[in-house]
Amino acid sequence: LCIARALAVVTAEPARVLGGALGTLQASVGQIVEGGVGDLCILDPNAGWTVQADALASQGKHTPFSGYELPGRVRTTLVGGQIAFDR
């Protein structure tokens, strides 16, 4: 149940909060549906890693998590159905 709730918090809940502001995207944002937005993150829950600021993909290298060991690691990110990141 914790994983399901965590996923809802970062997927369906933001879509619910934004509601009508999403316009035509409202029907598919935060859901995996045919014809939907196609933004997905594929996570390997068994791959732990240690945060190292200089290894972050973003331009901003400041993080309060530097040195922390975290469970799970993103393997692939799709934006609009296209691969945006692939480890």
PDB file of N, CA and C in Angstrom:
ATOM      1  N   LEU A   1       0.821  -1.204   0.000  1.00  0.00           N
ATOM      2  CA  LEU A   1       0.000   0.000   0.000  1.00  0.00           C
ATOM      3  C   LEU A   1       0.862   1.265   0.000  1.00  0.00           C
ATOM      4  N   CYS A   2       2.006   1.251   0.668  1.00  0.00           N
ATOM      5  CA  CYS A   2       2.865   2.433   0.710  1.00  0.00           C
ATOM      6  C   CYS A   2       3.363   2.811  -0.675  1.00  0.00           C
ATOM      7  N   ILE A   3       3.758   1.826  -1.483  1.00  0.00           N
ATOM      8  CA  ILE A   3       4.238   2.116  -2.835  1.00  0.00           C
ATOM      9  C   ILE A   3       3.114   2.694  -3.677  1.00  0.00           C
ATOM     10  N   ALA A   4       1.916   2.123  -3.556  1.00  0.00           N
ATOM     11  CA  ALA A   4       0.775   2.627  -4.322  1.00  0.00           C
ATOM     12  C   ALA A   4       0.476   4.074  -3.942  1.00  0.00           C
ATOM     13  N   ARG A   5       0.544   4.386  -2.666  1.00  0.00           N
ATOM     14  CA  ARG A   5       0.273   5.757  -2.216  1.00  0.00           C
ATOM     15  C   ARG A   5       1.366   6.705  -2.706  1.00  0.00           C
ATOM     16  N   ALA A   6       2.613   6.260  -2.642  1.00  0.00           N
ATOM     17  CA  ALA A   6       3.725   7.091  -3.112  1.00  0.00           C
ATOM     18  C   ALA A   6       3.567   7.403  -4.597  1.00  0.00           C
ATOM     19  N   LEU A   7       3.177   6.416  -5.371  1.00  0.00           N
ATOM     20  CA  LEU A   7       2.972   6.644  -6.800  1.00  0.00           C
ATOM     21  C   LEU A   7       1.832   7.624  -7.048  1.00  0.00           C
ATOM     22  N   ALA A   8       0.761   7.490  -6.300  1.00  0.00           N
ATOM     23  CA  ALA A   8      -0.370   8.405  -6.454  1.00  0.00           C
ATOM     24  C   ALA A   8       0.030   9.845  -6.145  1.00  0.00           C
ATOM     25  N   VAL A   9       0.875  10.017  -5.136  1.00  0.00           N
ATOM     26  CA  VAL A   9       1.296  11.358  -4.730  1.00  0.00           C
ATOM     27  C   VAL A   9       2.062  12.073  -5.841  1.00  0.00           C
ATOM     28  N   VAL A  10       2.810  11.334  -6.654  1.00  0.00           N
ATOM     29  CA  VAL A  10       3.598  11.979  -7.717  1.00  0.00           C
ATOM     30  C   VAL A  10       2.990  11.823  -9.107  1.00  0.00           C
ATOM     31  N   THR A  11       1.822  11.201  -9.210  1.00  0.00           N
ATOM     32  CA  THR A  11       1.193  11.017 -10.521  1.00  0.00           C
ATOM     33  C   THR A  11      -0.222  11.584 -10.545  1.00  0.00           C
ATOM     34  N   ALA A  12      -1.165  10.843 -10.015  1.00  0.00           N
ATOM     35  CA  ALA A  12      -2.574  11.228 -10.090  1.00  0.00           C
ATOM     36  C   ALA A  12      -2.919  12.441  -9.228  1.00  0.00           C
ATOM     37  N   GLU A  13      -2.289  12.578  -8.081  1.00  0.00           N
ATOM     38  CA  GLU A  13      -2.625  13.698  -7.192  1.00  0.00           C
ATOM     39  C   GLU A  13      -2.289  15.065  -7.786  1.00  0.00           C
ATOM     40  N   PRO A  14      -1.084  15.264  -8.357  1.00  0.00           N
ATOM     41  CA  PRO A  14      -0.826  16.564  -8.984  1.00  0.00           C
ATOM     42  C   PRO A  14      -1.816  16.856 -10.115  1.00  0.00           C
ATOM     43  N   ALA A  15      -2.180  15.838 -10.884  1.00  0.00           N
ATOM     44  CA  ALA A  15      -3.154  16.019 -11.954  1.00  0.00           C
ATOM     45  C   ALA A  15      -4.504  16.429 -11.373  1.00  0.00           C
ATOM     46  N   ARG A  16      -4.889  15.820 -10.254  1.00  0.00           N
ATOM     47  CA  ARG A  16      -6.162  16.161  -9.612  1.00  0.00           C
ATOM     48  C   ARG A  16      -6.139  17.606  -9.113  1.00  0.00           C
ATOM     49  N   VAL A  17      -5.025  18.024  -8.512  1.00  0.00           N
ATOM     50  CA  VAL A  17      -4.904  19.380  -7.981  1.00  0.00           C
ATOM     51  C   VAL A  17      -4.964  20.411  -9.106  1.00  0.00           C
ATOM     52  N   LEU A  18      -4.285  20.144 -10.221  1.00  0.00           N
ATOM     53  CA  LEU A  18      -4.268  21.083 -11.343  1.00  0.00           C
ATOM     54  C   LEU A  18      -5.597  21.124 -12.082  1.00  0.00           C
ATOM     55  N   GLY A  19      -6.287  19.983 -12.115  1.00  0.00           N
ATOM     56  CA  GLY A  19      -7.632  19.917 -12.692  1.00  0.00           C
ATOM     57  C   GLY A  19      -7.773  20.574 -14.040  1.00  0.00           C
ATOM     58  N   GLY A  20      -8.715  21.493 -14.134  1.00  0.00           N
ATOM     59  CA  GLY A  20      -9.040  22.151 -15.391  1.00  0.00           C
ATOM     60  C   GLY A  20      -7.906  22.948 -16.001  1.00  0.00           C
ATOM     61  N   ALA A  21      -6.900  23.317 -15.204  1.00  0.00           N
ATOM     62  CA  ALA A  21      -5.759  24.065 -15.733  1.00  0.00           C
ATOM     63  C   ALA A  21      -4.978  23.253 -16.756  1.00  0.00           C
ATOM     64  N   LEU A  22      -5.190  21.929 -16.771  1.00  0.00           N
ATOM     65  CA  LEU A  22      -4.493  21.061 -17.721  1.00  0.00           C
ATOM     66  C   LEU A  22      -5.154  21.046 -19.090  1.00  0.00           C
ATOM     67  N   GLY A  23      -6.325  21.623 -19.200  1.00  0.00           N
ATOM     68  CA  GLY A  23      -7.026  21.671 -20.489  1.00  0.00           C
ATOM     69  C   GLY A  23      -7.303  20.284 -21.033  1.00  0.00           C
ATOM     70  N   THR A  24      -6.954  20.069 -22.297  1.00  0.00           N
ATOM     71  CA  THR A  24      -7.251  18.792 -22.955  1.00  0.00           C
ATOM     72  C   THR A  24      -6.432  17.635 -22.395  1.00  0.00           C
ATOM     73  N   LEU A  25      -5.363  17.924 -21.690  1.00  0.00           N
ATOM     74  CA  LEU A  25      -4.540  16.865 -21.105  1.00  0.00           C
ATOM     75  C   LEU A  25      -5.154  16.276 -19.840  1.00  0.00           C
ATOM     76  N   GLN A  26      -6.128  16.944 -19.265  1.00  0.00           N
ATOM     77  CA  GLN A  26      -6.687  16.549 -17.975  1.00  0.00           C
ATOM     78  C   GLN A  26      -7.127  15.094 -17.941  1.00  0.00           C
ATOM     79  N   ALA A  27      -7.664  14.569 -19.043  1.00  0.00           N
ATOM     80  CA  ALA A  27      -8.193  13.201 -19.058  1.00  0.00           C
ATOM     81  C   ALA A  27      -7.107  12.134 -18.959  1.00  0.00           C
ATOM     82  N   SER A  28      -5.846  12.466 -19.290  1.00  0.00           N
ATOM     83  CA  SER A  28      -4.827  11.418 -19.319  1.00  0.00           C
ATOM     84  C   SER A  28      -3.613  11.665 -18.426  1.00  0.00           C
ATOM     85  N   VAL A  29      -3.399  12.882 -17.947  1.00  0.00           N
ATOM     86  CA  VAL A  29      -2.231  13.167 -17.115  1.00  0.00           C
ATOM     87  C   VAL A  29      -2.327  12.387 -15.808  1.00  0.00           C
ATOM     88  N   GLY A  30      -1.213  11.768 -15.411  1.00  0.00           N
ATOM     89  CA  GLY A  30      -1.166  11.010 -14.167  1.00  0.00           C
ATOM     90  C   GLY A  30      -1.701   9.604 -14.287  1.00  0.00           C
ATOM     91  N   GLN A  31      -1.976   9.172 -15.518  1.00  0.00           N
ATOM     92  CA  GLN A  31      -2.504   7.832 -15.765  1.00  0.00           C
ATOM     93  C   GLN A  31      -1.790   7.216 -16.964  1.00  0.00           C
ATOM     94  N   ILE A  32      -1.773   5.903 -17.014  1.00  0.00           N
ATOM     95  CA  ILE A  32      -1.266   5.213 -18.193  1.00  0.00           C
ATOM     96  C   ILE A  32      -2.496   4.777 -18.991  1.00  0.00           C
ATOM     97  N   VAL A  33      -2.774   5.522 -20.050  1.00  0.00           N
ATOM     98  CA  VAL A  33      -3.947   5.240 -20.880  1.00  0.00           C
ATOM     99  C   VAL A  33      -3.584   5.386 -22.353  1.00  0.00           C
ATOM    100  N   GLU A  34      -4.272   4.648 -23.194  1.00  0.00           N
ATOM    101  CA  GLU A  34      -4.053   4.746 -24.633  1.00  0.00           C
ATOM    102  C   GLU A  34      -4.351   6.170 -25.092  1.00  0.00           C
ATOM    103  N   GLY A  35      -3.423   6.731 -25.860  1.00  0.00           N
ATOM    104  CA  GLY A  35      -3.571   8.101 -26.343  1.00  0.00           C
ATOM    105  C   GLY A  35      -3.180   9.147 -25.310  1.00  0.00           C
ATOM    106  N   GLY A  36      -2.670   8.705 -24.166  1.00  0.00           N
ATOM    107  CA  GLY A  36      -2.296   9.629 -23.091  1.00  0.00           C
ATOM    108  C   GLY A  36      -0.993  10.351 -23.369  1.00  0.00           C
ATOM    109  N   VAL A  37      -0.551  11.116 -22.411  1.00  0.00           N
ATOM    110  CA  VAL A  37       0.628  11.972 -22.539  1.00  0.00           C
ATOM    111  C   VAL A  37       1.901  11.179 -22.801  1.00  0.00           C
ATOM    112  N   GLY A  38       2.063  10.029 -22.186  1.00  0.00           N
ATOM    113  CA  GLY A  38       3.238   9.191 -22.424  1.00  0.00           C
ATOM    114  C   GLY A  38       4.468   9.605 -21.647  1.00  0.00           C
ATOM    115  N   ASP A  39       4.282  10.206 -20.476  1.00  0.00           N
ATOM    116  CA  ASP A  39       5.397  10.543 -19.598  1.00  0.00           C
ATOM    117  C   ASP A  39       5.501   9.443 -18.545  1.00  0.00           C
ATOM    118  N   LEU A  40       6.583   8.673 -18.593  1.00  0.00           N
ATOM    119  CA  LEU A  40       6.759   7.550 -17.671  1.00  0.00           C
ATOM    120  C   LEU A  40       8.176   7.531 -17.123  1.00  0.00           C
ATOM    121  N   CYS A  41       8.298   7.004 -15.937  1.00  0.00           N
ATOM    122  CA  CYS A  41       9.595   6.796 -15.312  1.00  0.00           C
ATOM    123  C   CYS A  41       9.658   5.323 -14.937  1.00  0.00           C
ATOM    124  N   ILE A  42      10.672   4.627 -15.420  1.00  0.00           N
ATOM    125  CA  ILE A  42      10.832   3.201 -15.109  1.00  0.00           C
ATOM    126  C   ILE A  42      11.876   3.093 -14.012  1.00  0.00           C
ATOM    127  N   LEU A  43      11.455   2.551 -12.883  1.00  0.00           N
ATOM    128  CA  LEU A  43      12.268   2.489 -11.685  1.00  0.00           C
ATOM    129  C   LEU A  43      12.650   1.049 -11.375  1.00  0.00           C
ATOM    130  N   ASP A  44      13.919   0.834 -11.024  1.00  0.00           N
ATOM    131  CA  ASP A  44      14.377  -0.463 -10.538  1.00  0.00           C
ATOM    132  C   ASP A  44      14.414  -0.366  -9.022  1.00  0.00           C
ATOM    133  N   PRO A  45      13.429  -0.949  -8.320  1.00  0.00           N
ATOM    134  CA  PRO A  45      13.366  -0.809  -6.870  1.00  0.00           C
ATOM    135  C   PRO A  45      14.476  -1.558  -6.135  1.00  0.00           C
ATOM    136  N   ASN A  46      15.176  -2.443  -6.822  1.00  0.00           N
ATOM    137  CA  ASN A  46      16.238  -3.225  -6.191  1.00  0.00           C
ATOM    138  C   ASN A  46      17.626  -2.634  -6.391  1.00  0.00           C
ATOM    139  N   ALA A  47      17.732  -1.564  -7.131  1.00  0.00           N
ATOM    140  CA  ALA A  47      19.037  -0.950  -7.415  1.00  0.00           C
ATOM    141  C   ALA A  47      19.240   0.249  -6.506  1.00  0.00           C
ATOM    142  N   GLY A  48      20.013   0.075  -5.443  1.00  0.00           N
ATOM    143  CA  GLY A  48      20.326   1.184  -4.566  1.00  0.00           C
ATOM    144  C   GLY A  48      21.477   2.003  -5.135  1.00  0.00           C
ATOM    145  N   TRP A  49      21.633   3.212  -4.649  1.00  0.00           N
ATOM    146  CA  TRP A  49      22.730   4.058  -5.101  1.00  0.00           C
ATOM    147  C   TRP A  49      23.038   5.116  -4.062  1.00  0.00           C
ATOM    148  N   THR A  50      24.225   5.677  -4.145  1.00  0.00           N
ATOM    149  CA  THR A  50      24.656   6.749  -3.254  1.00  0.00           C
ATOM    150  C   THR A  50      24.665   8.051  -4.039  1.00  0.00           C
ATOM    151  N   VAL A  51      23.988   9.059  -3.523  1.00  0.00           N
ATOM    152  CA  VAL A  51      23.898  10.354  -4.197  1.00  0.00           C
ATOM    153  C   VAL A  51      25.256  11.039  -4.168  1.00  0.00           C
ATOM    154  N   GLN A  52      25.718  11.438  -5.347  1.00  0.00           N
ATOM    155  CA  GLN A  52      26.955  12.205  -5.501  1.00  0.00           C
ATOM    156  C   GLN A  52      26.613  13.408  -6.363  1.00  0.00           C
ATOM    157  N   ALA A  53      26.713  14.590  -5.797  1.00  0.00           N
ATOM    158  CA  ALA A  53      26.282  15.810  -6.471  1.00  0.00           C
ATOM    159  C   ALA A  53      26.874  15.958  -7.870  1.00  0.00           C
ATOM    160  N   ASP A  54      28.149  15.630  -8.047  1.00  0.00           N
ATOM    161  CA  ASP A  54      28.782  15.818  -9.354  1.00  0.00           C
ATOM    162  C   ASP A  54      28.286  14.815 -10.398  1.00  0.00           C
ATOM    163  N   ALA A  55      27.590  13.779  -9.981  1.00  0.00           N
ATOM    164  CA  ALA A  55      27.081  12.773 -10.914  1.00  0.00           C
ATOM    165  C   ALA A  55      25.614  13.007 -11.282  1.00  0.00           C
ATOM    166  N   LEU A  56      24.973  14.041 -10.735  1.00  0.00           N
ATOM    167  CA  LEU A  56      23.577  14.314 -11.043  1.00  0.00           C
ATOM    168  C   LEU A  56      23.425  14.767 -12.489  1.00  0.00           C
ATOM    169  N   ALA A  57      22.345  14.343 -13.123  1.00  0.00           N
ATOM    170  CA  ALA A  57      22.107  14.682 -14.531  1.00  0.00           C
ATOM    171  C   ALA A  57      21.687  16.135 -14.708  1.00  0.00           C
ATOM    172  N   SER A  58      21.129  16.747 -13.668  1.00  0.00           N
ATOM    173  CA  SER A  58      20.674  18.132 -13.788  1.00  0.00           C
ATOM    174  C   SER A  58      21.853  19.096 -13.738  1.00  0.00           C
ATOM    175  N   GLN A  59      21.621  20.316 -14.206  1.00  0.00           N
ATOM    176  CA  GLN A  59      22.671  21.324 -14.165  1.00  0.00           C
ATOM    177  C   GLN A  59      22.934  21.790 -12.745  1.00  0.00           C
ATOM    178  N   GLY A  60      21.888  21.775 -11.913  1.00  0.00           N
ATOM    179  CA  GLY A  60      22.044  22.155 -10.509  1.00  0.00           C
ATOM    180  C   GLY A  60      22.685  21.018  -9.728  1.00  0.00           C
ATOM    181  N   LYS A  61      23.797  21.266  -9.118  1.00  0.00           N
ATOM    182  CA  LYS A  61      24.536  20.218  -8.405  1.00  0.00           C
ATOM    183  C   LYS A  61      24.395  20.323  -6.893  1.00  0.00           C
ATOM    184  N   HIS A  62      23.516  21.205  -6.419  1.00  0.00           N
ATOM    185  CA  HIS A  62      23.314  21.361  -4.984  1.00  0.00           C
ATOM    186  C   HIS A  62      22.217  20.401  -4.536  1.00  0.00           C
ATOM    187  N   THR A  63      22.509  19.573  -3.541  1.00  0.00           N
ATOM    188  CA  THR A  63      21.518  18.652  -3.010  1.00  0.00           C
ATOM    189  C   THR A  63      21.775  18.380  -1.536  1.00  0.00           C
ATOM    190  N   PRO A  64      20.718  18.357  -0.746  1.00  0.00           N
ATOM    191  CA  PRO A  64      20.893  18.008   0.666  1.00  0.00           C
ATOM    192  C   PRO A  64      21.091  16.503   0.859  1.00  0.00           C
ATOM    193  N   PHE A  65      20.987  15.733  -0.227  1.00  0.00           N
ATOM    194  CA  PHE A  65      21.079  14.278  -0.137  1.00  0.00           C
ATOM    195  C   PHE A  65      22.452  13.731  -0.511  1.00  0.00           C
ATOM    196  N   SER A  66      23.419  14.589  -0.777  1.00  0.00           N
ATOM    197  CA  SER A  66      24.759  14.145  -1.143  1.00  0.00           C
ATOM    198  C   SER A  66      25.313  13.208  -0.069  1.00  0.00           C
ATOM    199  N   GLY A  67      25.753  12.021  -0.510  1.00  0.00           N
ATOM    200  CA  GLY A  67      26.301  11.030   0.399  1.00  0.00           C
ATOM    201  C   GLY A  67      25.278  10.038   0.938  1.00  0.00           C
ATOM    202  N   TYR A  68      23.990  10.327   0.741  1.00  0.00           N
ATOM    203  CA  TYR A  68      22.946   9.413   1.215  1.00  0.00           C
ATOM    204  C   TYR A  68      22.840   8.195   0.312  1.00  0.00           C
ATOM    205  N   GLU A  69      22.632   7.043   0.911  1.00  0.00           N
ATOM    206  CA  GLU A  69      22.354   5.825   0.149  1.00  0.00           C
ATOM    207  C   GLU A  69      20.844   5.731   0.004  1.00  0.00           C
ATOM    208  N   LEU A  70      20.370   5.635  -1.237  1.00  0.00           N
ATOM    209  CA  LEU A  70      18.936   5.601  -1.516  1.00  0.00           C
ATOM    210  C   LEU A  70      18.531   4.289  -2.165  1.00  0.00           C
ATOM    211  N   PRO A  71      17.341   3.794  -1.829  1.00  0.00           N
ATOM    212  CA  PRO A  71      16.839   2.574  -2.473  1.00  0.00           C
ATOM    213  C   PRO A  71      16.157   2.935  -3.796  1.00  0.00           C
ATOM    214  N   GLY A  72      16.285   2.068  -4.772  1.00  0.00           N
ATOM    215  CA  GLY A  72      15.638   2.295  -6.061  1.00  0.00           C
ATOM    216  C   GLY A  72      16.425   3.258  -6.921  1.00  0.00           C
ATOM    217  N   ARG A  73      16.346   3.047  -8.229  1.00  0.00           N
ATOM    218  CA  ARG A  73      17.057   3.919  -9.159  1.00  0.00           C
ATOM    219  C   ARG A  73      16.299   3.991 -10.468  1.00  0.00           C
ATOM    220  N   VAL A  74      16.182   5.185 -11.019  1.00  0.00           N
ATOM    221  CA  VAL A  74      15.524   5.365 -12.305  1.00  0.00           C
ATOM    222  C   VAL A  74      16.384   4.731 -13.387  1.00  0.00           C
ATOM    223  N   ARG A  75      15.760   3.920 -14.222  1.00  0.00           N
ATOM    224  CA  ARG A  75      16.463   3.287 -15.344  1.00  0.00           C
ATOM    225  C   ARG A  75      16.186   4.024 -16.650  1.00  0.00           C
ATOM    226  N   THR A  76      14.931   4.390 -16.879  1.00  0.00           N
ATOM    227  CA  THR A  76      14.545   5.048 -18.121  1.00  0.00           C
ATOM    228  C   THR A  76      13.431   6.047 -17.840  1.00  0.00           C
ATOM    229  N   THR A  77      13.473   7.185 -18.529  1.00  0.00           N
ATOM    230  CA  THR A  77      12.408   8.172 -18.448  1.00  0.00           C
ATOM    231  C   THR A  77      11.918   8.458 -19.858  1.00  0.00           C
ATOM    232  N   LEU A  78      10.603   8.405 -20.034  1.00  0.00           N
ATOM    233  CA  LEU A  78       9.988   8.728 -21.315  1.00  0.00           C
ATOM    234  C   LEU A  78       9.176   9.992 -21.151  1.00  0.00           C
ATOM    235  N   VAL A  79       9.326  10.926 -22.079  1.00  0.00           N
ATOM    236  CA  VAL A  79       8.577  12.178 -22.082  1.00  0.00           C
ATOM    237  C   VAL A  79       7.883  12.276 -23.431  1.00  0.00           C
ATOM    238  N   GLY A  80       6.581  12.339 -23.388  1.00  0.00           N
ATOM    239  CA  GLY A  80       5.805  12.377 -24.631  1.00  0.00           C
ATOM    240  C   GLY A  80       5.999  11.117 -25.448  1.00  0.00           C
ATOM    241  N   GLY A  81       6.264  10.012 -24.765  1.00  0.00           N
ATOM    242  CA  GLY A  81       6.445   8.733 -25.450  1.00  0.00           C
ATOM    243  C   GLY A  81       7.839   8.520 -26.021  1.00  0.00           C
ATOM    244  N   GLN A  82       8.748   9.481 -25.854  1.00  0.00           N
ATOM    245  CA  GLN A  82      10.108   9.387 -26.380  1.00  0.00           C
ATOM    246  C   GLN A  82      11.084   9.231 -25.224  1.00  0.00           C
ATOM    247  N   ILE A  83      12.133   8.449 -25.422  1.00  0.00           N
ATOM    248  CA  ILE A  83      13.124   8.253 -24.368  1.00  0.00           C
ATOM    249  C   ILE A  83      13.896   9.562 -24.158  1.00  0.00           C
ATOM    250  N   ALA A  84      13.828  10.077 -22.929  1.00  0.00           N
ATOM    251  CA  ALA A  84      14.539  11.293 -22.554  1.00  0.00           C
ATOM    252  C   ALA A  84      15.773  10.985 -21.735  1.00  0.00           C
ATOM    253  N   PHE A  85      15.767   9.812 -21.069  1.00  0.00           N
ATOM    254  CA  PHE A  85      16.897   9.392 -20.244  1.00  0.00           C
ATOM    255  C   PHE A  85      16.917   7.873 -20.230  1.00  0.00           C
ATOM    256  N   ASP A  86      18.095   7.295 -20.390  1.00  0.00           N
ATOM    257  CA  ASP A  86      18.224   5.843 -20.355  1.00  0.00           C
ATOM    258  C   ASP A  86      19.565   5.500 -19.727  1.00  0.00           C
ATOM    259  N   ARG A  87      19.521   4.833 -18.589  1.00  0.00           N
ATOM    260  CA  ARG A  87      20.743   4.483 -17.886  1.00  0.00           C
ATOM    261  C   ARG A  87      21.313   3.201 -18.474  1.00  0.00           C
TER     262      ARG A  87
END
